[in-house]
PDB file of N, CA and C in Angstrom:
ATOM      1  N   MET A   1      -4.851  16.930 -38.189  1.00  0.00           N
ATOM      2  CA  MET A   1      -3.775  17.764 -37.706  1.00  0.00           C
ATOM      3  C   MET A   1      -4.266  19.197 -37.639  1.00  0.00           C
ATOM      4  N   ALA A   2      -3.958  19.881 -36.559  1.00  0.00           N
ATOM      5  CA  ALA A   2      -4.325  21.277 -36.396  1.00  0.00           C
ATOM      6  C   ALA A   2      -3.418  22.161 -37.245  1.00  0.00           C
ATOM      7  N   ALA A   3      -3.936  23.308 -37.643  1.00  0.00           N
ATOM      8  CA  ALA A   3      -3.144  24.247 -38.441  1.00  0.00           C
ATOM      9  C   ALA A   3      -1.898  24.656 -37.673  1.00  0.00           C
ATOM     10  N   GLY A   4      -0.765  24.611 -38.332  1.00  0.00           N
ATOM     11  CA  GLY A   4       0.485  25.027 -37.710  1.00  0.00           C
ATOM     12  C   GLY A   4       1.128  24.001 -36.814  1.00  0.00           C
ATOM     13  N   VAL A   5       0.558  22.807 -36.742  1.00  0.00           N
ATOM     14  CA  VAL A   5       1.119  21.754 -35.896  1.00  0.00           C
ATOM     15  C   VAL A   5       1.735  20.687 -36.788  1.00  0.00           C
ATOM     16  N   ALA A   6       3.021  20.474 -36.617  1.00  0.00           N
ATOM     17  CA  ALA A   6       3.726  19.490 -37.438  1.00  0.00           C
ATOM     18  C   ALA A   6       3.511  18.082 -36.909  1.00  0.00           C
ATOM     19  N   CYS A   7       3.452  17.116 -37.811  1.00  0.00           N
ATOM     20  CA  CYS A   7       3.332  15.704 -37.435  1.00  0.00           C
ATOM     21  C   CYS A   7       4.707  15.061 -37.436  1.00  0.00           C
ATOM     22  N   GLY A   8       4.911  14.143 -36.538  1.00  0.00           N
ATOM     23  CA  GLY A   8       6.160  13.408 -36.495  1.00  0.00           C
ATOM     24  C   GLY A   8       5.914  11.935 -36.751  1.00  0.00           C
ATOM     25  N   VAL A   9       6.982  11.195 -36.923  1.00  0.00           N
ATOM     26  CA  VAL A   9       6.912   9.757 -37.148  1.00  0.00           C
ATOM     27  C   VAL A   9       6.565   9.064 -35.835  1.00  0.00           C
ATOM     28  N   VAL A  10       5.597   8.164 -35.879  1.00  0.00           N
ATOM     29  CA  VAL A  10       5.217   7.401 -34.691  1.00  0.00           C
ATOM     30  C   VAL A  10       6.349   6.434 -34.366  1.00  0.00           C
ATOM     31  N   THR A  11       6.819   6.479 -33.106  1.00  0.00           N
ATOM     32  CA  THR A  11       7.931   5.634 -32.682  1.00  0.00           C
ATOM     33  C   THR A  11       7.504   4.539 -31.720  1.00  0.00           C
ATOM     34  N   ALA A  12       6.320   4.677 -31.114  1.00  0.00           N
ATOM     35  CA  ALA A  12       5.782   3.636 -30.232  1.00  0.00           C
ATOM     36  C   ALA A  12       4.266   3.769 -30.202  1.00  0.00           C
ATOM     37  N   LEU A  13       3.585   2.625 -30.250  1.00  0.00           N
ATOM     38  CA  LEU A  13       2.124   2.618 -30.233  1.00  0.00           C
ATOM     39  C   LEU A  13       1.641   1.343 -29.555  1.00  0.00           C
ATOM     40  N   ASP A  14       0.805   1.524 -28.554  1.00  0.00           N
ATOM     41  CA  ASP A  14       0.129   0.413 -27.881  1.00  0.00           C
ATOM     42  C   ASP A  14      -1.265   0.928 -27.536  1.00  0.00           C
ATOM     43  N   ALA A  15      -2.120   0.977 -28.567  1.00  0.00           N
ATOM     44  CA  ALA A  15      -3.457   1.554 -28.412  1.00  0.00           C
ATOM     45  C   ALA A  15      -4.279   0.757 -27.407  1.00  0.00           C
ATOM     46  N   PRO A  16      -5.043   1.404 -26.574  1.00  0.00           N
ATOM     47  CA  PRO A  16      -5.226   2.851 -26.491  1.00  0.00           C
ATOM     48  C   PRO A  16      -4.349   3.518 -25.424  1.00  0.00           C
ATOM     49  N   ALA A  17      -3.399   2.794 -24.866  1.00  0.00           N
ATOM     50  CA  ALA A  17      -2.670   3.293 -23.704  1.00  0.00           C
ATOM     51  C   ALA A  17      -1.430   4.125 -24.002  1.00  0.00           C
ATOM     52  N   LEU A  18      -0.814   3.951 -25.157  1.00  0.00           N
ATOM     53  CA  LEU A  18       0.476   4.596 -25.398  1.00  0.00           C
ATOM     54  C   LEU A  18       0.592   5.099 -26.832  1.00  0.00           C
ATOM     55  N   LEU A  19       1.088   6.328 -26.949  1.00  0.00           N
ATOM     56  CA  LEU A  19       1.441   6.895 -28.246  1.00  0.00           C
ATOM     57  C   LEU A  19       2.695   7.723 -28.058  1.00  0.00           C
ATOM     58  N   GLU A  20       3.704   7.448 -28.877  1.00  0.00           N
ATOM     59  CA  GLU A  20       4.937   8.220 -28.845  1.00  0.00           C
ATOM     60  C   GLU A  20       5.304   8.560 -30.279  1.00  0.00           C
ATOM     61  N   TYR A  21       5.732   9.812 -30.482  1.00  0.00           N
ATOM     62  CA  TYR A  21       6.128  10.216 -31.824  1.00  0.00           C
ATOM     63  C   TYR A  21       7.259  11.222 -31.773  1.00  0.00           C
ATOM     64  N   ALA A  22       7.995  11.288 -32.872  1.00  0.00           N
ATOM     65  CA  ALA A  22       9.074  12.263 -32.994  1.00  0.00           C
ATOM     66  C   ALA A  22       8.447  13.643 -33.085  1.00  0.00           C
ATOM     67  N   SER A  23       9.055  14.589 -32.424  1.00  0.00           N
ATOM     68  CA  SER A  23       8.569  15.965 -32.403  1.00  0.00           C
ATOM     69  C   SER A  23       9.456  16.800 -33.310  1.00  0.00           C
ATOM     70  N   PRO A  24       8.993  17.079 -34.536  1.00  0.00           N
ATOM     71  CA  PRO A  24       9.838  17.802 -35.484  1.00  0.00           C
ATOM     72  C   PRO A  24       9.899  19.299 -35.190  1.00  0.00           C
ATOM     73  N   ALA A  25      11.000  19.912 -35.562  1.00  0.00           N
ATOM     74  CA  ALA A  25      11.168  21.364 -35.453  1.00  0.00           C
ATOM     75  C   ALA A  25      11.970  21.824 -36.660  1.00  0.00           C
ATOM     76  N   GLY A  26      11.356  22.622 -37.490  1.00  0.00           N
ATOM     77  CA  GLY A  26      12.047  23.106 -38.669  1.00  0.00           C
ATOM     78  C   GLY A  26      12.442  22.002 -39.630  1.00  0.00           C
ATOM     79  N   GLY A  27      11.646  20.931 -39.659  1.00  0.00           N
ATOM     80  CA  GLY A  27      11.928  19.835 -40.569  1.00  0.00           C
ATOM     81  C   GLY A  27      12.839  18.762 -40.001  1.00  0.00           C
ATOM     82  N   ALA A  28      13.446  19.010 -38.836  1.00  0.00           N
ATOM     83  CA  ALA A  28      14.327  18.019 -38.208  1.00  0.00           C
ATOM     84  C   ALA A  28      13.713  17.555 -36.892  1.00  0.00           C
ATOM     85  N   ALA A  29      13.947  16.307 -36.535  1.00  0.00           N
ATOM     86  CA  ALA A  29      13.429  15.793 -35.270  1.00  0.00           C
ATOM     87  C   ALA A  29      14.072  16.553 -34.121  1.00  0.00           C
ATOM     88  N   ALA A  30      13.250  17.065 -33.225  1.00  0.00           N
ATOM     89  CA  ALA A  30      13.753  17.856 -32.104  1.00  0.00           C
ATOM     90  C   ALA A  30      13.546  17.147 -30.777  1.00  0.00           C
ATOM     91  N   GLY A  31      12.947  15.991 -30.784  1.00  0.00           N
ATOM     92  CA  GLY A  31      12.687  15.275 -29.543  1.00  0.00           C
ATOM     93  C   GLY A  31      11.561  14.286 -29.730  1.00  0.00           C
ATOM     94  N   ARG A  32      10.958  13.916 -28.627  1.00  0.00           N
ATOM     95  CA  ARG A  32       9.848  12.963 -28.658  1.00  0.00           C
ATOM     96  C   ARG A  32       8.727  13.441 -27.753  1.00  0.00           C
ATOM     97  N   VAL A  33       7.491  13.124 -28.168  1.00  0.00           N
ATOM     98  CA  VAL A  33       6.305  13.359 -27.348  1.00  0.00           C
ATOM     99  C   VAL A  33       5.734  11.990 -27.034  1.00  0.00           C
ATOM    100  N   ARG A  34       5.485  11.736 -25.761  1.00  0.00           N
ATOM    101  CA  ARG A  34       4.957  10.439 -25.320  1.00  0.00           C
ATOM    102  C   ARG A  34       3.717  10.695 -24.480  1.00  0.00           C
ATOM    103  N   ARG A  35       2.623  10.018 -24.830  1.00  0.00           N
ATOM    104  CA  ARG A  35       1.362  10.117 -24.094  1.00  0.00           C
ATOM    105  C   ARG A  35       1.012   8.732 -23.585  1.00  0.00           C
ATOM    106  N   GLU A  36       0.850   8.643 -22.268  1.00  0.00           N
ATOM    107  CA  GLU A  36       0.498   7.369 -21.643  1.00  0.00           C
ATOM    108  C   GLU A  36      -0.802   7.546 -20.885  1.00  0.00           C
ATOM    109  N   LEU A  37      -1.761   6.689 -21.143  1.00  0.00           N
ATOM    110  CA  LEU A  37      -3.077   6.731 -20.513  1.00  0.00           C
ATOM    111  C   LEU A  37      -3.260   5.478 -19.675  1.00  0.00           C
ATOM    112  N   SER A  38      -3.640   5.678 -18.413  1.00  0.00           N
ATOM    113  CA  SER A  38      -3.861   4.534 -17.520  1.00  0.00           C
ATOM    114  C   SER A  38      -4.977   4.878 -16.544  1.00  0.00           C
ATOM    115  N   GLU A  39      -5.370   3.886 -15.753  1.00  0.00           N
ATOM    116  CA  GLU A  39      -6.370   4.130 -14.718  1.00  0.00           C
ATOM    117  C   GLU A  39      -5.730   4.927 -13.597  1.00  0.00           C
ATOM    118  N   GLY A  40      -6.497   5.870 -13.058  1.00  0.00           N
ATOM    119  CA  GLY A  40      -6.018   6.687 -11.956  1.00  0.00           C
ATOM    120  C   GLY A  40      -7.083   6.781 -10.890  1.00  0.00           C
ATOM    121  N   ALA A  41      -6.744   7.413  -9.791  1.00  0.00           N
ATOM    122  CA  ALA A  41      -7.699   7.594  -8.697  1.00  0.00           C
ATOM    123  C   ALA A  41      -8.879   8.424  -9.195  1.00  0.00           C
ATOM    124  N   GLY A  42     -10.062   7.835  -9.226  1.00  0.00           N
ATOM    125  CA  GLY A  42     -11.256   8.564  -9.633  1.00  0.00           C
ATOM    126  C   GLY A  42     -11.424   8.732 -11.134  1.00  0.00           C
ATOM    127  N   GLY A  43     -10.631   8.073 -11.943  1.00  0.00           N
ATOM    128  CA  GLY A  43     -10.778   8.207 -13.391  1.00  0.00           C
ATOM    129  C   GLY A  43      -9.537   7.799 -14.130  1.00  0.00           C
ATOM    130  N   ALA A  44      -9.225   8.544 -15.163  1.00  0.00           N
ATOM    131  CA  ALA A  44      -8.072   8.240 -16.001  1.00  0.00           C
ATOM    132  C   ALA A  44      -6.891   9.121 -15.616  1.00  0.00           C
ATOM    133  N   ARG A  45      -5.712   8.632 -15.912  1.00  0.00           N
ATOM    134  CA  ARG A  45      -4.476   9.376 -15.675  1.00  0.00           C
ATOM    135  C   ARG A  45      -3.751   9.502 -17.010  1.00  0.00           C
ATOM    136  N   LEU A  46      -3.404  10.736 -17.361  1.00  0.00           N
ATOM    137  CA  LEU A  46      -2.661  11.007 -18.580  1.00  0.00           C
ATOM    138  C   LEU A  46      -1.285  11.524 -18.189  1.00  0.00           C
ATOM    139  N   VAL A  47      -0.246  10.846 -18.690  1.00  0.00           N
ATOM    140  CA  VAL A  47       1.131  11.302 -18.478  1.00  0.00           C
ATOM    141  C   VAL A  47       1.657  11.743 -19.830  1.00  0.00           C
ATOM    142  N   LEU A  48       2.062  13.002 -19.906  1.00  0.00           N
ATOM    143  CA  LEU A  48       2.597  13.569 -21.126  1.00  0.00           C
ATOM    144  C   LEU A  48       4.060  13.900 -20.884  1.00  0.00           C
ATOM    145  N   THR A  49       4.923  13.369 -21.747  1.00  0.00           N
ATOM    146  CA  THR A  49       6.359  13.648 -21.649  1.00  0.00           C
ATOM    147  C   THR A  49       6.827  14.181 -22.994  1.00  0.00           C
ATOM    148  N   HIS A  50       7.441  15.360 -22.981  1.00  0.00           N
ATOM    149  CA  HIS A  50       7.974  15.962 -24.205  1.00  0.00           C
ATOM    150  C   HIS A  50       9.461  16.196 -23.957  1.00  0.00           C
ATOM    151  N   THR A  51      10.290  15.446 -24.644  1.00  0.00           N
ATOM    152  CA  THR A  51      11.735  15.577 -24.480  1.00  0.00           C
ATOM    153  C   THR A  51      12.330  16.253 -25.702  1.00  0.00           C
ATOM    154  N   GLY A  52      13.484  16.825 -25.517  1.00  0.00           N
ATOM    155  CA  GLY A  52      14.152  17.480 -26.624  1.00  0.00           C
ATOM    156  C   GLY A  52      15.627  17.643 -26.325  1.00  0.00           C
ATOM    157  N   PRO A  53      16.394  18.030 -27.335  1.00  0.00           N
ATOM    158  CA  PRO A  53      17.834  18.196 -27.160  1.00  0.00           C
ATOM    159  C   PRO A  53      18.147  19.453 -26.341  1.00  0.00           C
ATOM    160  N   PRO A  54      19.322  19.508 -25.711  1.00  0.00           N
ATOM    161  CA  PRO A  54      19.712  20.683 -24.930  1.00  0.00           C
ATOM    162  C   PRO A  54      19.674  21.981 -25.742  1.00  0.00           C
ATOM    163  N   GLU A  55      19.919  21.881 -27.050  1.00  0.00           N
ATOM    164  CA  GLU A  55      19.917  23.074 -27.889  1.00  0.00           C
ATOM    165  C   GLU A  55      18.545  23.732 -27.963  1.00  0.00           C
ATOM    166  N   ALA A  56      17.497  22.997 -27.599  1.00  0.00           N
ATOM    167  CA  ALA A  56      16.133  23.521 -27.669  1.00  0.00           C
ATOM    168  C   ALA A  56      15.679  24.133 -26.341  1.00  0.00           C
ATOM    169  N   ALA A  57      16.577  24.311 -25.399  1.00  0.00           N
ATOM    170  CA  ALA A  57      16.218  24.809 -24.070  1.00  0.00           C
ATOM    171  C   ALA A  57      15.474  26.141 -24.118  1.00  0.00           C
ATOM    172  N   ALA A  58      15.822  27.007 -25.031  1.00  0.00           N
ATOM    173  CA  ALA A  58      15.174  28.321 -25.113  1.00  0.00           C
ATOM    174  C   ALA A  58      13.700  28.209 -25.493  1.00  0.00           C
ATOM    175  N   ALA A  59      13.322  27.112 -26.142  1.00  0.00           N
ATOM    176  CA  ALA A  59      11.931  26.925 -26.566  1.00  0.00           C
ATOM    177  C   ALA A  59      11.066  26.260 -25.492  1.00  0.00           C
ATOM    178  N   ARG A  60      11.660  25.818 -24.406  1.00  0.00           N
ATOM    179  CA  ARG A  60      10.895  25.087 -23.386  1.00  0.00           C
ATOM    180  C   ARG A  60       9.741  25.878 -22.789  1.00  0.00           C
ATOM    181  N   PRO A  61       9.926  27.157 -22.403  1.00  0.00           N
ATOM    182  CA  PRO A  61       8.787  27.884 -21.831  1.00  0.00           C
ATOM    183  C   PRO A  61       7.595  27.983 -22.791  1.00  0.00           C
ATOM    184  N   ALA A  62       7.851  28.210 -24.062  1.00  0.00           N
ATOM    185  CA  ALA A  62       6.764  28.295 -25.039  1.00  0.00           C
ATOM    186  C   ALA A  62       6.095  26.935 -25.219  1.00  0.00           C
ATOM    187  N   ALA A  63       6.887  25.863 -25.243  1.00  0.00           N
ATOM    188  CA  ALA A  63       6.320  24.518 -25.380  1.00  0.00           C
ATOM    189  C   ALA A  63       5.475  24.171 -24.165  1.00  0.00           C
ATOM    190  N   LEU A  64       5.953  24.514 -22.981  1.00  0.00           N
ATOM    191  CA  LEU A  64       5.197  24.243 -21.753  1.00  0.00           C
ATOM    192  C   LEU A  64       3.872  24.990 -21.776  1.00  0.00           C
ATOM    193  N   ALA A  65       3.893  26.257 -22.164  1.00  0.00           N
ATOM    194  CA  ALA A  65       2.659  27.043 -22.227  1.00  0.00           C
ATOM    195  C   ALA A  65       1.684  26.456 -23.245  1.00  0.00           C
ATOM    196  N   ALA A  66       2.200  26.011 -24.387  1.00  0.00           N
ATOM    197  CA  ALA A  66       1.339  25.425 -25.420  1.00  0.00           C
ATOM    198  C   ALA A  66       0.708  24.121 -24.934  1.00  0.00           C
ATOM    199  N   TRP A  67       1.509  23.262 -24.286  1.00  0.00           N
ATOM    200  CA  TRP A  67       0.963  22.009 -23.763  1.00  0.00           C
ATOM    201  C   TRP A  67      -0.061  22.277 -22.665  1.00  0.00           C
ATOM    202  N   ARG A  68       0.220  23.243 -21.791  1.00  0.00           N
ATOM    203  CA  ARG A  68      -0.724  23.572 -20.714  1.00  0.00           C
ATOM    204  C   ARG A  68      -2.060  24.005 -21.313  1.00  0.00           C
ATOM    205  N   ASP A  69      -2.018  24.862 -22.327  1.00  0.00           N
ATOM    206  CA  ASP A  69      -3.237  25.313 -22.988  1.00  0.00           C
ATOM    207  C   ASP A  69      -3.974  24.135 -23.624  1.00  0.00           C
ATOM    208  N   HIS A  70      -3.239  23.289 -24.315  1.00  0.00           N
ATOM    209  CA  HIS A  70      -3.835  22.116 -24.974  1.00  0.00           C
ATOM    210  C   HIS A  70      -4.526  21.203 -23.956  1.00  0.00           C
ATOM    211  N   LEU A  71      -3.856  20.924 -22.848  1.00  0.00           N
ATOM    212  CA  LEU A  71      -4.416  20.020 -21.842  1.00  0.00           C
ATOM    213  C   LEU A  71      -5.601  20.645 -21.114  1.00  0.00           C
ATOM    214  N   GLU A  72      -5.570  21.959 -20.895  1.00  0.00           N
ATOM    215  CA  GLU A  72      -6.713  22.634 -20.275  1.00  0.00           C
ATOM    216  C   GLU A  72      -7.933  22.581 -21.187  1.00  0.00           C
ATOM    217  N   ARG A  73      -7.720  22.769 -22.499  1.00  0.00           N
ATOM    218  CA  ARG A  73      -8.836  22.668 -23.446  1.00  0.00           C
ATOM    219  C   ARG A  73      -9.363  21.238 -23.523  1.00  0.00           C
ATOM    220  N   LEU A  74      -8.471  20.254 -23.468  1.00  0.00           N
ATOM    221  CA  LEU A  74      -8.891  18.848 -23.460  1.00  0.00           C
ATOM    222  C   LEU A  74      -9.747  18.561 -22.232  1.00  0.00           C
ATOM    223  N   ALA A  75      -9.287  18.983 -21.061  1.00  0.00           N
ATOM    224  CA  ALA A  75     -10.032  18.749 -19.820  1.00  0.00           C
ATOM    225  C   ALA A  75     -11.400  19.428 -19.869  1.00  0.00           C
ATOM    226  N   ALA A  76     -11.449  20.664 -20.349  1.00  0.00           N
ATOM    227  CA  ALA A  76     -12.721  21.378 -20.437  1.00  0.00           C
ATOM    228  C   ALA A  76     -13.676  20.661 -21.387  1.00  0.00           C
ATOM    229  N   GLY A  77     -13.159  20.179 -22.498  1.00  0.00           N
ATOM    230  CA  GLY A  77     -13.986  19.454 -23.448  1.00  0.00           C
ATOM    231  C   GLY A  77     -14.528  18.154 -22.873  1.00  0.00           C
ATOM    232  N   LEU A  78     -13.706  17.459 -22.125  1.00  0.00           N
ATOM    233  CA  LEU A  78     -14.157  16.206 -21.509  1.00  0.00           C
ATOM    234  C   LEU A  78     -15.224  16.469 -20.453  1.00  0.00           C
ATOM    235  N   LEU A  79     -15.104  17.556 -19.722  1.00  0.00           N
ATOM    236  CA  LEU A  79     -16.113  17.900 -18.713  1.00  0.00           C
ATOM    237  C   LEU A  79     -17.448  18.260 -19.349  1.00  0.00           C
ATOM    238  N   ARG A  80     -17.427  18.778 -20.585  1.00  0.00           N
ATOM    239  CA  ARG A  80     -18.659  19.159 -21.288  1.00  0.00           C
ATOM    240  C   ARG A  80     -19.222  18.007 -22.097  1.00  0.00           C
ATOM    241  N   ALA A  81     -18.518  16.902 -22.217  1.00  0.00           N
ATOM    242  CA  ALA A  81     -18.950  15.785 -23.059  1.00  0.00           C
ATOM    243  C   ALA A  81     -20.275  15.221 -22.555  1.00  0.00           C
ATOM    244  N   PRO A  82     -21.142  14.825 -23.473  1.00  0.00           N
ATOM    245  CA  PRO A  82     -22.420  14.230 -23.081  1.00  0.00           C
ATOM    246  C   PRO A  82     -22.202  12.953 -22.256  1.00  0.00           C
ATOM    247  N   ALA A  83     -23.131  12.695 -21.345  1.00  0.00           N
ATOM    248  CA  ALA A  83     -23.077  11.490 -20.515  1.00  0.00           C
ATOM    249  C   ALA A  83     -22.990  10.264 -21.413  1.00  0.00           C
ATOM    250  N   GLY A  84     -22.134   9.336 -21.058  1.00  0.00           N
ATOM    251  CA  GLY A  84     -21.985   8.103 -21.827  1.00  0.00           C
ATOM    252  C   GLY A  84     -20.897   8.194 -22.888  1.00  0.00           C
ATOM    253  N   LEU A  85     -20.557   9.408 -23.312  1.00  0.00           N
ATOM    254  CA  LEU A  85     -19.513   9.553 -24.317  1.00  0.00           C
ATOM    255  C   LEU A  85     -18.141   9.292 -23.711  1.00  0.00           C
ATOM    256  N   VAL A  86     -17.928   9.800 -22.509  1.00  0.00           N
ATOM    257  CA  VAL A  86     -16.665   9.591 -21.799  1.00  0.00           C
ATOM    258  C   VAL A  86     -16.955   8.696 -20.609  1.00  0.00           C
ATOM    259  N   GLN A  87     -16.270   7.570 -20.559  1.00  0.00           N
ATOM    260  CA  GLN A  87     -16.497   6.631 -19.455  1.00  0.00           C
ATOM    261  C   GLN A  87     -15.241   6.399 -18.695  1.00  0.00           C
TER     262      GLN A  87
END
């Protein structure tokens, strides 16, 4: 777990294609994060869905920016991965 990132209870798992977990906020579940991995045109396709209650609407822009940063770092890391490590 990264510093400052809370863990939630896993609510769905079908490795390696699906992971879903509760997204806690302030100690209470604030929604769900779902990651689905499948084959896509020219490689893999990752679908990320982060849902939350209407009361959390004010936090959406910050959550979107955080996910965008996370996914950009993931993509950059995969592009730098040694040959054979990522297939």
